[in-house]
Amino acid sequence: MNKTRYALWTSTVIAASFLMSGCQLLTGYQKIDEAENAKVWAGHIQPIPGEVSIACVGTYHCEIVQIDKTLVIAPDSHEPVNPAMVTTLAEGTKKTPTSAEMMPLANKKSIKIVPLSASAMPGLTNYYARVMPAKREIHVNFYPENNVGYVERFAMIHDFTQAGTYQLRAYQKKPNNKSGSLLETASPEPLCIELLQGSTVQRRFCKQLDSKHRGEFVETRM
């Protein structure tokens, strides 16, 4: 499809993850080449039959801050808004539980989050979300640098029709046609986000820095 669509736009805006050709996972505009070492991905998602698991990856830290009208992770404290939303072991540890230890979601309105791994930012935790298949509005904060003061805010509406594992993965696109001018050299590479279902890219958004879009993430054709 040649249709260009605009992502739903909150303070900064929408996105999803990573295609290796011409792209690199990012750890901040100044540390793009260290991406593989920047993120900690020690745990793994435990899929539950009939449920959708949503994770964000690709930067020093990222947080799913809101799903539909429900606040999930508080952007100021970086902690779950409602402790009852967190799926943990019976002992209350933050170790990622196995699928056998997690109760299925009660209904379509239920939202649970699971501690996935330690963040690359000391003291923070990466969580993934569990929801039932449905059309969802997802808000994510990405932190490309080791600095909580620099955040890329992202929001997306997507119809999660199939159960399974989804990732919103951030990267910086490396253009092949740079002229080498001082202006281009000084400008950061565009931030892009891809939505993956399993290992398949479903949607792609890239940030447009021109005067027309003013930092909006615009959905591009696949």
N, C-alpha and C. Protein backbone atom coordinates (compact mmCIF):
# COMPACT_ATOMS: atom_id res chain seq x y z
N MET A 1 0.84 -1.20 0.00
CA MET A 1 0.00 0.00 0.00
C MET A 1 0.87 1.24 0.00
N ASN A 2 0.47 2.23 -0.77
CA ASN A 2 1.21 3.47 -0.82
C ASN A 2 0.65 4.52 0.11
N LYS A 3 -0.39 4.12 0.83
CA LYS A 3 -1.05 5.08 1.71
C LYS A 3 -0.15 5.41 2.89
N THR A 4 0.01 6.68 3.16
CA THR A 4 0.76 7.11 4.34
C THR A 4 -0.22 7.50 5.42
N ARG A 5 -0.04 6.95 6.61
CA ARG A 5 -0.95 7.27 7.71
C ARG A 5 -0.17 7.89 8.85
N TYR A 6 -0.85 8.71 9.60
CA TYR A 6 -0.22 9.39 10.72
C TYR A 6 -0.57 8.67 12.01
N ALA A 7 0.42 8.49 12.84
CA ALA A 7 0.20 7.83 14.11
C ALA A 7 -0.49 8.76 15.07
N LEU A 8 -1.32 8.19 15.94
CA LEU A 8 -1.96 8.97 16.99
C LEU A 8 -0.88 9.67 17.78
N TRP A 9 -1.07 10.96 18.09
CA TRP A 9 0.05 11.78 18.54
C TRP A 9 -0.22 12.36 19.90
N THR A 10 0.58 11.95 20.92
CA THR A 10 0.54 12.55 22.24
C THR A 10 1.78 13.43 22.27
N SER A 11 2.36 13.81 23.33
CA SER A 11 3.43 14.81 23.40
C SER A 11 4.48 14.65 22.32
N THR A 12 5.09 13.49 22.23
CA THR A 12 5.99 13.30 21.10
C THR A 12 5.27 12.27 20.26
N VAL A 13 5.34 11.05 19.99
CA VAL A 13 4.29 10.23 19.43
C VAL A 13 4.72 8.86 18.92
N ILE A 14 3.88 8.20 18.34
CA ILE A 14 3.71 6.82 17.96
C ILE A 14 4.86 6.03 17.36
N ALA A 15 4.81 4.67 17.54
CA ALA A 15 5.89 3.96 16.90
C ALA A 15 5.94 2.47 17.12
N ALA A 16 7.05 1.79 16.56
CA ALA A 16 7.32 0.38 16.76
C ALA A 16 8.63 -0.09 16.16
N SER A 17 9.33 -1.19 15.97
CA SER A 17 10.70 -1.59 16.14
C SER A 17 11.67 -1.81 15.01
N PHE A 18 12.20 -2.96 14.68
CA PHE A 18 13.55 -3.07 14.21
C PHE A 18 13.71 -3.98 13.01
N LEU A 19 14.35 -3.47 11.95
CA LEU A 19 14.66 -4.25 10.76
C LEU A 19 16.13 -4.06 10.54
N MET A 20 16.91 -5.12 10.47
CA MET A 20 18.36 -4.95 10.52
C MET A 20 18.93 -4.26 9.29
N SER A 21 18.33 -4.42 8.12
CA SER A 21 18.88 -3.79 6.94
C SER A 21 18.72 -2.28 7.03
N GLY A 22 19.86 -1.59 7.15
CA GLY A 22 19.84 -0.14 7.20
C GLY A 22 19.38 0.42 8.52
N CYS A 23 19.24 -0.41 9.56
CA CYS A 23 18.74 0.06 10.84
C CYS A 23 19.60 -0.49 11.96
N GLN A 24 19.57 0.19 13.09
CA GLN A 24 20.27 -0.29 14.26
C GLN A 24 19.42 -0.05 15.49
N LEU A 25 19.41 -1.03 16.41
CA LEU A 25 18.77 -0.79 17.69
C LEU A 25 19.44 0.39 18.34
N LEU A 26 18.66 1.18 19.11
CA LEU A 26 19.27 2.40 19.59
C LEU A 26 19.41 2.47 21.08
N THR A 27 20.43 3.21 21.49
CA THR A 27 20.66 3.47 22.90
C THR A 27 20.83 4.95 23.10
N GLY A 28 20.27 5.73 22.23
CA GLY A 28 20.46 7.17 22.28
C GLY A 28 21.19 7.60 21.02
N TYR A 29 20.94 8.82 20.58
CA TYR A 29 21.53 9.29 19.34
C TYR A 29 23.05 9.27 19.37
N GLN A 30 23.65 9.46 20.56
CA GLN A 30 25.09 9.52 20.64
C GLN A 30 25.71 8.14 20.85
N LYS A 31 24.90 7.11 21.13
CA LYS A 31 25.46 5.80 21.45
C LYS A 31 24.81 4.71 20.61
N ILE A 32 24.47 5.02 19.40
CA ILE A 32 23.75 4.08 18.56
C ILE A 32 24.51 2.79 18.35
N ASP A 33 25.83 2.85 18.23
CA ASP A 33 26.61 1.66 17.93
C ASP A 33 26.79 0.74 19.13
N GLU A 34 26.35 1.16 20.31
CA GLU A 34 26.48 0.33 21.50
C GLU A 34 25.15 -0.30 21.88
N ALA A 35 24.22 -0.35 20.93
CA ALA A 35 22.85 -0.74 21.25
C ALA A 35 22.76 -2.12 21.88
N GLU A 36 23.50 -3.08 21.34
CA GLU A 36 23.36 -4.44 21.83
C GLU A 36 23.76 -4.57 23.30
N ASN A 37 24.65 -3.71 23.78
CA ASN A 37 25.09 -3.78 25.16
C ASN A 37 24.25 -2.92 26.09
N ALA A 38 23.41 -2.06 25.54
CA ALA A 38 22.71 -1.08 26.37
C ALA A 38 21.51 -1.67 27.06
N LYS A 39 20.80 -2.57 26.40
CA LYS A 39 19.58 -3.08 27.00
C LYS A 39 19.84 -4.42 27.70
N VAL A 40 19.11 -4.65 28.75
CA VAL A 40 19.20 -5.91 29.48
C VAL A 40 17.93 -6.70 29.19
N TRP A 41 18.06 -7.87 28.66
CA TRP A 41 16.91 -8.69 28.28
C TRP A 41 17.11 -10.09 28.85
N ALA A 42 17.25 -10.13 30.18
CA ALA A 42 17.59 -11.38 30.84
C ALA A 42 16.41 -12.34 30.91
N GLY A 43 15.21 -11.81 31.11
CA GLY A 43 14.03 -12.65 31.22
C GLY A 43 13.43 -12.94 29.85
N HIS A 44 12.31 -13.60 29.86
CA HIS A 44 11.62 -13.84 28.60
C HIS A 44 10.11 -13.85 28.84
N ILE A 45 9.36 -13.56 27.80
CA ILE A 45 7.91 -13.49 27.91
C ILE A 45 7.34 -14.91 28.02
N GLN A 46 6.39 -15.06 28.92
CA GLN A 46 5.70 -16.34 29.10
C GLN A 46 4.31 -16.22 28.47
N PRO A 47 4.15 -16.68 27.22
CA PRO A 47 2.84 -16.54 26.57
C PRO A 47 1.77 -17.38 27.25
N ILE A 48 0.57 -16.81 27.34
CA ILE A 48 -0.59 -17.50 27.90
C ILE A 48 -1.58 -17.73 26.76
N PRO A 49 -2.05 -18.94 26.55
CA PRO A 49 -3.00 -19.21 25.47
C PRO A 49 -4.20 -18.27 25.52
N GLY A 50 -4.51 -17.68 24.36
CA GLY A 50 -5.66 -16.80 24.26
C GLY A 50 -5.39 -15.37 24.67
N GLU A 51 -4.15 -15.05 25.10
CA GLU A 51 -3.82 -13.69 25.54
C GLU A 51 -2.82 -13.03 24.60
N VAL A 52 -2.76 -11.70 24.70
CA VAL A 52 -1.78 -10.89 23.97
C VAL A 52 -0.74 -10.39 24.97
N SER A 53 0.52 -10.64 24.69
CA SER A 53 1.62 -10.11 25.50
C SER A 53 2.30 -9.00 24.71
N ILE A 54 2.50 -7.84 25.34
CA ILE A 54 3.07 -6.67 24.66
C ILE A 54 4.30 -6.20 25.42
N ALA A 55 5.44 -6.12 24.73
CA ALA A 55 6.68 -5.63 25.34
C ALA A 55 7.25 -4.51 24.49
N CYS A 56 8.07 -3.67 25.12
CA CYS A 56 8.81 -2.64 24.38
C CYS A 56 10.30 -2.88 24.58
N VAL A 57 11.08 -2.68 23.52
CA VAL A 57 12.52 -2.95 23.57
C VAL A 57 13.26 -1.96 22.68
N GLY A 58 14.60 -1.99 22.76
CA GLY A 58 15.43 -1.24 21.82
C GLY A 58 16.14 -0.04 22.39
N THR A 59 15.78 0.40 23.60
CA THR A 59 16.42 1.57 24.20
C THR A 59 16.91 1.22 25.60
N TYR A 60 17.61 2.17 26.24
CA TYR A 60 18.07 1.92 27.60
C TYR A 60 16.93 1.46 28.50
N HIS A 61 15.79 2.11 28.36
CA HIS A 61 14.63 1.78 29.19
C HIS A 61 13.38 2.16 28.41
N CYS A 62 12.29 1.46 28.67
CA CYS A 62 11.01 1.84 28.09
C CYS A 62 9.91 1.37 29.02
N GLU A 63 8.78 2.05 28.95
CA GLU A 63 7.67 1.77 29.85
C GLU A 63 6.34 1.86 29.12
N ILE A 64 5.50 0.88 29.31
CA ILE A 64 4.12 0.97 28.83
C ILE A 64 3.36 1.78 29.87
N VAL A 65 3.09 3.03 29.56
CA VAL A 65 2.51 3.93 30.56
C VAL A 65 0.98 3.90 30.59
N GLN A 66 0.36 3.48 29.48
CA GLN A 66 -1.10 3.47 29.45
C GLN A 66 -1.60 2.49 28.41
N ILE A 67 -2.67 1.78 28.74
CA ILE A 67 -3.38 0.92 27.79
C ILE A 67 -4.85 1.31 27.84
N ASP A 68 -5.37 1.76 26.71
CA ASP A 68 -6.72 2.31 26.65
C ASP A 68 -6.83 3.44 27.68
N LYS A 69 -7.77 3.36 28.61
CA LYS A 69 -7.92 4.42 29.61
C LYS A 69 -7.21 4.10 30.92
N THR A 70 -6.53 2.97 30.96
CA THR A 70 -5.90 2.51 32.20
C THR A 70 -4.44 2.92 32.27
N LEU A 71 -4.06 3.63 33.34
CA LEU A 71 -2.67 3.98 33.57
C LEU A 71 -1.94 2.75 34.08
N VAL A 72 -0.74 2.50 33.56
CA VAL A 72 -0.01 1.28 33.88
C VAL A 72 1.25 1.58 34.68
N ILE A 73 2.24 2.23 34.05
CA ILE A 73 3.48 2.61 34.73
C ILE A 73 3.49 4.13 34.87
N ALA A 74 3.73 4.62 36.08
CA ALA A 74 3.77 6.07 36.32
C ALA A 74 5.07 6.63 35.77
N PRO A 75 5.01 7.64 34.88
CA PRO A 75 6.23 8.17 34.27
C PRO A 75 7.12 8.94 35.23
N ASP A 76 6.58 9.36 36.37
CA ASP A 76 7.42 10.09 37.32
C ASP A 76 8.17 9.15 38.26
N SER A 77 7.50 8.11 38.75
CA SER A 77 8.14 7.16 39.67
C SER A 77 8.71 5.94 38.95
N HIS A 78 8.25 5.68 37.71
CA HIS A 78 8.65 4.52 36.92
C HIS A 78 8.24 3.20 37.60
N GLU A 79 7.20 3.28 38.40
CA GLU A 79 6.67 2.11 39.10
C GLU A 79 5.22 1.88 38.67
N PRO A 80 4.71 0.64 38.84
CA PRO A 80 3.31 0.38 38.50
C PRO A 80 2.36 1.30 39.25
N VAL A 81 1.37 1.82 38.55
CA VAL A 81 0.39 2.71 39.18
C VAL A 81 -0.43 1.95 40.21
N ASN A 82 -0.79 0.71 39.88
CA ASN A 82 -1.59 -0.12 40.78
C ASN A 82 -0.84 -1.42 41.05
N PRO A 83 -0.32 -1.62 42.26
CA PRO A 83 0.43 -2.85 42.56
C PRO A 83 -0.37 -4.12 42.29
N ALA A 84 -1.69 -4.04 42.38
CA ALA A 84 -2.53 -5.22 42.14
C ALA A 84 -2.48 -5.66 40.68
N MET A 85 -1.99 -4.79 39.81
CA MET A 85 -1.90 -5.11 38.40
C MET A 85 -0.69 -5.99 38.09
N VAL A 86 0.26 -6.06 39.01
CA VAL A 86 1.52 -6.77 38.77
C VAL A 86 1.35 -8.26 39.02
N THR A 87 1.78 -9.07 38.06
CA THR A 87 1.80 -10.52 38.21
C THR A 87 3.13 -10.91 38.84
N THR A 88 3.09 -11.49 40.03
CA THR A 88 4.31 -11.93 40.71
C THR A 88 4.10 -13.30 41.31
N LEU A 89 5.18 -13.88 41.78
CA LEU A 89 5.09 -15.16 42.46
C LEU A 89 4.38 -14.99 43.80
N ALA A 90 3.94 -16.09 44.35
CA ALA A 90 3.20 -16.05 45.61
C ALA A 90 4.02 -15.42 46.73
N GLU A 91 5.36 -15.60 46.67
CA GLU A 91 6.20 -15.03 47.71
C GLU A 91 6.36 -13.53 47.55
N GLY A 92 5.88 -12.97 46.43
CA GLY A 92 5.97 -11.54 46.22
C GLY A 92 7.29 -11.08 45.65
N THR A 93 8.09 -12.00 45.12
CA THR A 93 9.36 -11.60 44.53
C THR A 93 9.13 -11.01 43.17
N LYS A 94 10.16 -10.38 42.61
CA LYS A 94 10.03 -9.80 41.29
C LYS A 94 10.59 -10.72 40.21
N LYS A 95 10.83 -11.98 40.56
CA LYS A 95 11.28 -12.92 39.56
C LYS A 95 10.14 -13.19 38.58
N THR A 96 10.46 -13.28 37.31
CA THR A 96 9.42 -13.52 36.32
C THR A 96 8.79 -14.89 36.54
N PRO A 97 7.47 -14.96 36.72
CA PRO A 97 6.82 -16.24 36.94
C PRO A 97 6.72 -17.04 35.65
N THR A 98 6.51 -18.34 35.77
CA THR A 98 6.29 -19.17 34.60
C THR A 98 4.82 -19.11 34.22
N SER A 99 4.52 -19.54 33.00
CA SER A 99 3.14 -19.48 32.53
C SER A 99 2.22 -20.31 33.42
N ALA A 100 2.75 -21.39 33.99
CA ALA A 100 1.93 -22.24 34.85
C ALA A 100 1.56 -21.54 36.15
N GLU A 101 2.34 -20.53 36.54
CA GLU A 101 2.10 -19.82 37.80
C GLU A 101 1.23 -18.59 37.61
N MET A 102 0.90 -18.25 36.37
CA MET A 102 0.12 -17.05 36.10
C MET A 102 -1.33 -17.41 35.82
N MET A 103 -2.23 -16.77 36.54
CA MET A 103 -3.65 -17.00 36.32
C MET A 103 -4.09 -16.32 35.03
N PRO A 104 -4.95 -16.96 34.23
CA PRO A 104 -5.47 -16.31 33.03
C PRO A 104 -6.22 -15.03 33.39
N LEU A 105 -6.29 -14.11 32.46
CA LEU A 105 -7.02 -12.87 32.68
C LEU A 105 -8.50 -13.14 32.86
N ALA A 106 -9.12 -12.35 33.71
CA ALA A 106 -10.52 -12.58 34.06
C ALA A 106 -11.47 -12.24 32.92
N ASN A 107 -11.19 -11.13 32.20
CA ASN A 107 -12.09 -10.69 31.14
C ASN A 107 -11.34 -9.75 30.20
N LYS A 108 -12.05 -9.21 29.20
CA LYS A 108 -11.41 -8.37 28.19
C LYS A 108 -10.90 -7.05 28.73
N LYS A 109 -11.43 -6.62 29.87
CA LYS A 109 -10.98 -5.36 30.45
C LYS A 109 -9.76 -5.54 31.36
N SER A 110 -9.42 -6.78 31.66
CA SER A 110 -8.31 -7.04 32.57
C SER A 110 -6.97 -6.68 31.93
N ILE A 111 -6.09 -6.08 32.72
CA ILE A 111 -4.72 -5.76 32.30
C ILE A 111 -3.78 -6.19 33.41
N LYS A 112 -2.79 -6.97 33.06
CA LYS A 112 -1.75 -7.37 34.00
C LYS A 112 -0.39 -7.02 33.42
N ILE A 113 0.57 -6.73 34.30
CA ILE A 113 1.94 -6.51 33.85
C ILE A 113 2.86 -7.48 34.58
N VAL A 114 3.91 -7.89 33.88
CA VAL A 114 4.84 -8.89 34.40
C VAL A 114 6.25 -8.31 34.41
N PRO A 115 6.98 -8.38 35.53
CA PRO A 115 8.37 -7.90 35.55
C PRO A 115 9.23 -8.79 34.66
N LEU A 116 9.76 -8.20 33.60
CA LEU A 116 10.48 -8.99 32.59
C LEU A 116 11.96 -9.10 32.88
N SER A 117 12.59 -7.96 33.22
CA SER A 117 14.04 -7.97 33.46
C SER A 117 14.45 -6.68 34.14
N ALA A 118 15.69 -6.67 34.62
CA ALA A 118 16.25 -5.43 35.12
C ALA A 118 16.47 -4.49 33.95
N SER A 119 16.23 -3.21 34.17
CA SER A 119 16.46 -2.21 33.14
C SER A 119 17.94 -1.89 33.04
N ALA A 120 18.36 -1.33 31.89
CA ALA A 120 19.73 -0.83 31.76
C ALA A 120 19.92 0.44 32.58
N MET A 121 18.82 1.04 33.03
CA MET A 121 18.90 2.16 33.97
C MET A 121 18.83 1.58 35.38
N PRO A 122 19.86 1.75 36.19
CA PRO A 122 19.90 1.14 37.52
C PRO A 122 18.67 1.46 38.35
N GLY A 123 18.14 0.42 38.99
CA GLY A 123 17.01 0.60 39.88
C GLY A 123 15.65 0.49 39.24
N LEU A 124 15.59 0.43 37.91
CA LEU A 124 14.31 0.34 37.21
C LEU A 124 14.08 -1.08 36.69
N THR A 125 12.83 -1.38 36.40
CA THR A 125 12.44 -2.70 35.94
C THR A 125 11.69 -2.59 34.63
N ASN A 126 11.97 -3.52 33.72
CA ASN A 126 11.20 -3.62 32.48
C ASN A 126 10.01 -4.55 32.70
N TYR A 127 8.84 -4.11 32.28
CA TYR A 127 7.62 -4.92 32.40
C TYR A 127 7.04 -5.17 31.01
N TYR A 128 6.34 -6.29 30.87
CA TYR A 128 5.50 -6.45 29.68
C TYR A 128 4.06 -6.58 30.14
N ALA A 129 3.13 -6.31 29.22
CA ALA A 129 1.71 -6.28 29.56
C ALA A 129 0.99 -7.49 29.00
N ARG A 130 -0.06 -7.90 29.71
CA ARG A 130 -0.93 -8.98 29.29
C ARG A 130 -2.35 -8.44 29.13
N VAL A 131 -2.93 -8.63 27.96
CA VAL A 131 -4.31 -8.21 27.70
C VAL A 131 -4.99 -9.28 26.84
N MET A 132 -6.29 -9.14 26.70
CA MET A 132 -7.02 -10.02 25.79
C MET A 132 -7.02 -9.41 24.39
N PRO A 133 -7.15 -10.23 23.34
CA PRO A 133 -7.19 -9.69 21.98
C PRO A 133 -8.33 -8.69 21.81
N ALA A 134 -8.02 -7.52 21.26
CA ALA A 134 -9.00 -6.45 21.04
C ALA A 134 -8.27 -5.27 20.41
N LYS A 135 -9.02 -4.29 19.95
CA LYS A 135 -8.40 -3.04 19.49
C LYS A 135 -7.95 -2.26 20.71
N ARG A 136 -6.67 -1.88 20.74
CA ARG A 136 -6.09 -1.25 21.92
C ARG A 136 -5.37 0.05 21.56
N GLU A 137 -5.40 0.98 22.52
CA GLU A 137 -4.60 2.20 22.42
C GLU A 137 -3.44 2.05 23.40
N ILE A 138 -2.23 2.03 22.88
CA ILE A 138 -1.04 1.77 23.69
C ILE A 138 -0.15 3.01 23.72
N HIS A 139 0.23 3.43 24.93
CA HIS A 139 1.15 4.56 25.10
C HIS A 139 2.44 4.05 25.73
N VAL A 140 3.57 4.38 25.11
CA VAL A 140 4.87 3.90 25.59
C VAL A 140 5.84 5.07 25.67
N ASN A 141 6.64 5.10 26.74
CA ASN A 141 7.75 6.05 26.85
C ASN A 141 9.05 5.31 26.58
N PHE A 142 9.81 5.80 25.60
CA PHE A 142 11.12 5.24 25.29
C PHE A 142 12.20 6.20 25.80
N TYR A 143 13.26 5.64 26.37
CA TYR A 143 14.39 6.43 26.87
C TYR A 143 15.64 6.03 26.08
N PRO A 144 15.95 6.77 24.98
CA PRO A 144 17.06 6.39 24.11
C PRO A 144 18.43 6.56 24.75
N GLU A 145 18.53 7.39 25.78
CA GLU A 145 19.80 7.62 26.46
C GLU A 145 19.66 7.25 27.93
N ASN A 146 20.79 7.10 28.59
CA ASN A 146 20.78 6.77 30.01
C ASN A 146 20.47 8.01 30.83
N ASN A 147 19.26 8.53 30.62
CA ASN A 147 18.86 9.81 31.19
C ASN A 147 17.34 9.86 31.22
N VAL A 148 16.76 9.83 32.42
CA VAL A 148 15.30 9.83 32.52
C VAL A 148 14.68 11.15 32.08
N GLY A 149 15.52 12.17 31.92
CA GLY A 149 15.00 13.45 31.46
C GLY A 149 14.78 13.52 29.97
N TYR A 150 15.29 12.55 29.22
CA TYR A 150 15.11 12.54 27.77
C TYR A 150 14.19 11.36 27.41
N VAL A 151 12.98 11.67 27.02
CA VAL A 151 12.00 10.62 26.73
C VAL A 151 11.34 10.87 25.38
N GLU A 152 11.13 9.81 24.64
CA GLU A 152 10.36 9.85 23.39
C GLU A 152 9.00 9.20 23.69
N ARG A 153 7.95 9.99 23.61
CA ARG A 153 6.60 9.50 23.93
C ARG A 153 5.92 8.98 22.66
N PHE A 154 5.27 7.87 22.83
CA PHE A 154 4.74 7.13 21.68
C PHE A 154 3.35 6.61 21.99
N ALA A 155 2.45 6.69 21.03
CA ALA A 155 1.11 6.13 21.22
C ALA A 155 0.63 5.50 19.93
N MET A 156 -0.09 4.41 20.03
CA MET A 156 -0.52 3.69 18.84
C MET A 156 -1.85 3.02 19.10
N ILE A 157 -2.72 3.04 18.09
CA ILE A 157 -3.94 2.24 18.12
C ILE A 157 -3.74 1.06 17.19
N HIS A 158 -3.97 -0.13 17.70
CA HIS A 158 -3.78 -1.34 16.89
C HIS A 158 -4.82 -2.37 17.28
N ASP A 159 -5.31 -3.08 16.29
CA ASP A 159 -6.28 -4.14 16.52
C ASP A 159 -5.53 -5.46 16.72
N PHE A 160 -5.36 -5.85 17.96
CA PHE A 160 -4.68 -7.10 18.27
C PHE A 160 -5.70 -8.23 18.13
N THR A 161 -5.88 -8.68 16.92
CA THR A 161 -6.91 -9.68 16.65
C THR A 161 -6.47 -11.09 17.04
N GLN A 162 -5.17 -11.33 17.02
CA GLN A 162 -4.66 -12.66 17.31
C GLN A 162 -3.88 -12.67 18.62
N ALA A 163 -4.08 -13.71 19.40
CA ALA A 163 -3.28 -13.88 20.61
C ALA A 163 -1.83 -14.14 20.22
N GLY A 164 -0.91 -13.82 21.13
CA GLY A 164 0.50 -14.04 20.84
C GLY A 164 1.37 -12.96 21.45
N THR A 165 2.64 -12.94 21.05
CA THR A 165 3.61 -12.00 21.59
C THR A 165 3.89 -10.89 20.59
N TYR A 166 3.79 -9.65 21.06
CA TYR A 166 4.03 -8.46 20.24
C TYR A 166 5.13 -7.63 20.90
N GLN A 167 5.95 -7.00 20.06
CA GLN A 167 6.99 -6.11 20.56
C GLN A 167 6.95 -4.77 19.83
N LEU A 168 7.13 -3.71 20.58
CA LEU A 168 7.36 -2.38 20.01
C LEU A 168 8.84 -2.11 20.16
N ARG A 169 9.56 -2.12 19.05
CA ARG A 169 11.01 -2.07 19.09
C ARG A 169 11.52 -0.80 18.41
N ALA A 170 12.31 -0.03 19.13
CA ALA A 170 12.83 1.25 18.63
C ALA A 170 14.18 1.05 17.95
N TYR A 171 14.42 1.82 16.91
CA TYR A 171 15.72 1.82 16.24
C TYR A 171 15.90 3.14 15.52
N GLN A 172 17.13 3.39 15.07
CA GLN A 172 17.41 4.56 14.25
C GLN A 172 17.72 4.10 12.84
N LYS A 173 17.05 4.71 11.89
CA LYS A 173 17.25 4.36 10.50
C LYS A 173 18.49 5.05 9.96
N LYS A 174 19.32 4.28 9.26
CA LYS A 174 20.52 4.82 8.65
C LYS A 174 20.27 5.04 7.16
N PRO A 175 20.05 6.29 6.72
CA PRO A 175 19.78 6.54 5.31
C PRO A 175 21.00 6.26 4.44
N ASN A 176 20.74 5.82 3.22
CA ASN A 176 21.83 5.48 2.30
C ASN A 176 22.23 6.63 1.39
N ASN A 177 21.46 7.72 1.41
CA ASN A 177 21.68 8.79 0.44
C ASN A 177 22.11 10.10 1.09
N LYS A 178 22.87 10.03 2.18
CA LYS A 178 23.31 11.26 2.82
C LYS A 178 24.33 11.97 1.95
N SER A 179 24.21 13.28 1.87
CA SER A 179 25.12 14.07 1.05
C SER A 179 26.42 14.39 1.78
N GLY A 180 26.41 14.27 3.12
CA GLY A 180 27.60 14.61 3.88
C GLY A 180 27.68 16.07 4.24
N SER A 181 26.61 16.83 4.00
CA SER A 181 26.61 18.25 4.35
C SER A 181 26.66 18.42 5.86
N LEU A 182 27.12 19.60 6.31
CA LEU A 182 27.20 19.86 7.74
C LEU A 182 25.83 19.78 8.39
N LEU A 183 24.80 20.23 7.68
CA LEU A 183 23.45 20.20 8.23
C LEU A 183 23.01 18.77 8.48
N GLU A 184 23.25 17.89 7.51
CA GLU A 184 22.85 16.50 7.67
C GLU A 184 23.69 15.81 8.74
N THR A 185 24.97 16.16 8.80
CA THR A 185 25.85 15.55 9.79
C THR A 185 25.42 15.90 11.20
N ALA A 186 24.95 17.14 11.38
CA ALA A 186 24.56 17.60 12.71
C ALA A 186 23.19 17.09 13.13
N SER A 187 22.37 16.68 12.17
CA SER A 187 21.00 16.24 12.48
C SER A 187 21.00 14.78 12.93
N PRO A 188 20.20 14.45 13.95
CA PRO A 188 20.11 13.05 14.39
C PRO A 188 19.40 12.21 13.34
N GLU A 189 19.75 10.92 13.30
CA GLU A 189 19.06 10.02 12.38
C GLU A 189 17.62 9.85 12.86
N PRO A 190 16.69 9.61 11.93
CA PRO A 190 15.29 9.48 12.32
C PRO A 190 15.07 8.30 13.27
N LEU A 191 14.25 8.53 14.28
CA LEU A 191 13.85 7.47 15.20
C LEU A 191 12.66 6.74 14.61
N CYS A 192 12.74 5.43 14.55
CA CYS A 192 11.65 4.63 14.01
C CYS A 192 11.24 3.57 15.03
N ILE A 193 10.03 3.10 14.89
CA ILE A 193 9.53 2.03 15.75
C ILE A 193 8.73 1.07 14.89
N GLU A 194 8.96 -0.20 15.10
CA GLU A 194 8.21 -1.22 14.39
C GLU A 194 7.42 -2.08 15.37
N LEU A 195 6.24 -2.47 14.96
CA LEU A 195 5.44 -3.41 15.73
C LEU A 195 5.65 -4.80 15.16
N LEU A 196 6.16 -5.69 15.98
CA LEU A 196 6.37 -7.07 15.56
C LEU A 196 5.36 -7.99 16.22
N GLN A 197 4.81 -8.89 15.44
CA GLN A 197 4.01 -9.99 15.97
C GLN A 197 4.87 -11.23 15.82
N GLY A 198 5.35 -11.77 16.93
CA GLY A 198 6.37 -12.80 16.85
C GLY A 198 7.62 -12.20 16.24
N SER A 199 8.08 -12.71 15.12
CA SER A 199 9.25 -12.16 14.44
C SER A 199 8.88 -11.40 13.17
N THR A 200 7.58 -11.20 12.93
CA THR A 200 7.11 -10.56 11.71
C THR A 200 6.75 -9.10 11.96
N VAL A 201 7.30 -8.21 11.15
CA VAL A 201 6.98 -6.78 11.27
C VAL A 201 5.59 -6.53 10.71
N GLN A 202 4.72 -5.96 11.53
CA GLN A 202 3.35 -5.66 11.12
C GLN A 202 3.17 -4.21 10.69
N ARG A 203 3.82 -3.29 11.41
CA ARG A 203 3.67 -1.86 11.12
C ARG A 203 4.99 -1.16 11.43
N ARG A 204 5.19 -0.02 10.76
CA ARG A 204 6.41 0.75 10.96
C ARG A 204 6.08 2.24 10.99
N PHE A 205 6.66 2.95 11.94
CA PHE A 205 6.50 4.39 12.08
C PHE A 205 7.88 5.03 12.18
N CYS A 206 8.05 6.17 11.52
CA CYS A 206 9.31 6.90 11.63
C CYS A 206 9.02 8.37 11.94
N LYS A 207 9.88 8.95 12.74
CA LYS A 207 9.70 10.33 13.15
C LYS A 207 10.10 11.26 12.02
N GLN A 208 9.23 12.22 11.72
CA GLN A 208 9.48 13.19 10.66
C GLN A 208 9.85 14.53 11.30
N LEU A 209 11.02 15.04 10.96
CA LEU A 209 11.52 16.26 11.60
C LEU A 209 11.31 17.51 10.75
N ASP A 210 10.58 17.38 9.63
CA ASP A 210 10.37 18.55 8.77
C ASP A 210 9.34 19.49 9.39
N SER A 211 9.20 20.66 8.78
CA SER A 211 8.31 21.69 9.32
C SER A 211 6.84 21.29 9.25
N LYS A 212 6.49 20.40 8.33
CA LYS A 212 5.10 19.98 8.19
C LYS A 212 4.67 19.07 9.34
N HIS A 213 5.51 18.12 9.70
CA HIS A 213 5.12 17.12 10.70
C HIS A 213 5.63 17.44 12.10
N ARG A 214 6.70 18.21 12.20
CA ARG A 214 7.20 18.71 13.48
C ARG A 214 7.37 17.62 14.53
N GLY A 215 8.10 16.61 14.18
CA GLY A 215 8.42 15.56 15.14
C GLY A 215 7.37 14.48 15.29
N GLU A 216 6.36 14.48 14.45
CA GLU A 216 5.35 13.41 14.52
C GLU A 216 5.93 12.11 13.97
N PHE A 217 5.43 11.01 14.49
CA PHE A 217 5.75 9.72 13.91
C PHE A 217 4.71 9.43 12.83
N VAL A 218 5.19 9.14 11.64
CA VAL A 218 4.31 8.89 10.50
C VAL A 218 4.43 7.43 10.10
N GLU A 219 3.30 6.76 9.93
CA GLU A 219 3.33 5.36 9.51
C GLU A 219 3.75 5.28 8.06
N THR A 220 4.69 4.40 7.77
CA THR A 220 5.22 4.24 6.42
C THR A 220 4.78 2.89 5.86
N ARG A 221 4.82 2.78 4.56
CA ARG A 221 4.39 1.53 3.93
C ARG A 221 5.40 0.42 4.22
N MET A 222 4.90 -0.80 4.22
CA MET A 222 5.75 -1.97 4.46
C MET A 222 6.37 -2.43 3.15
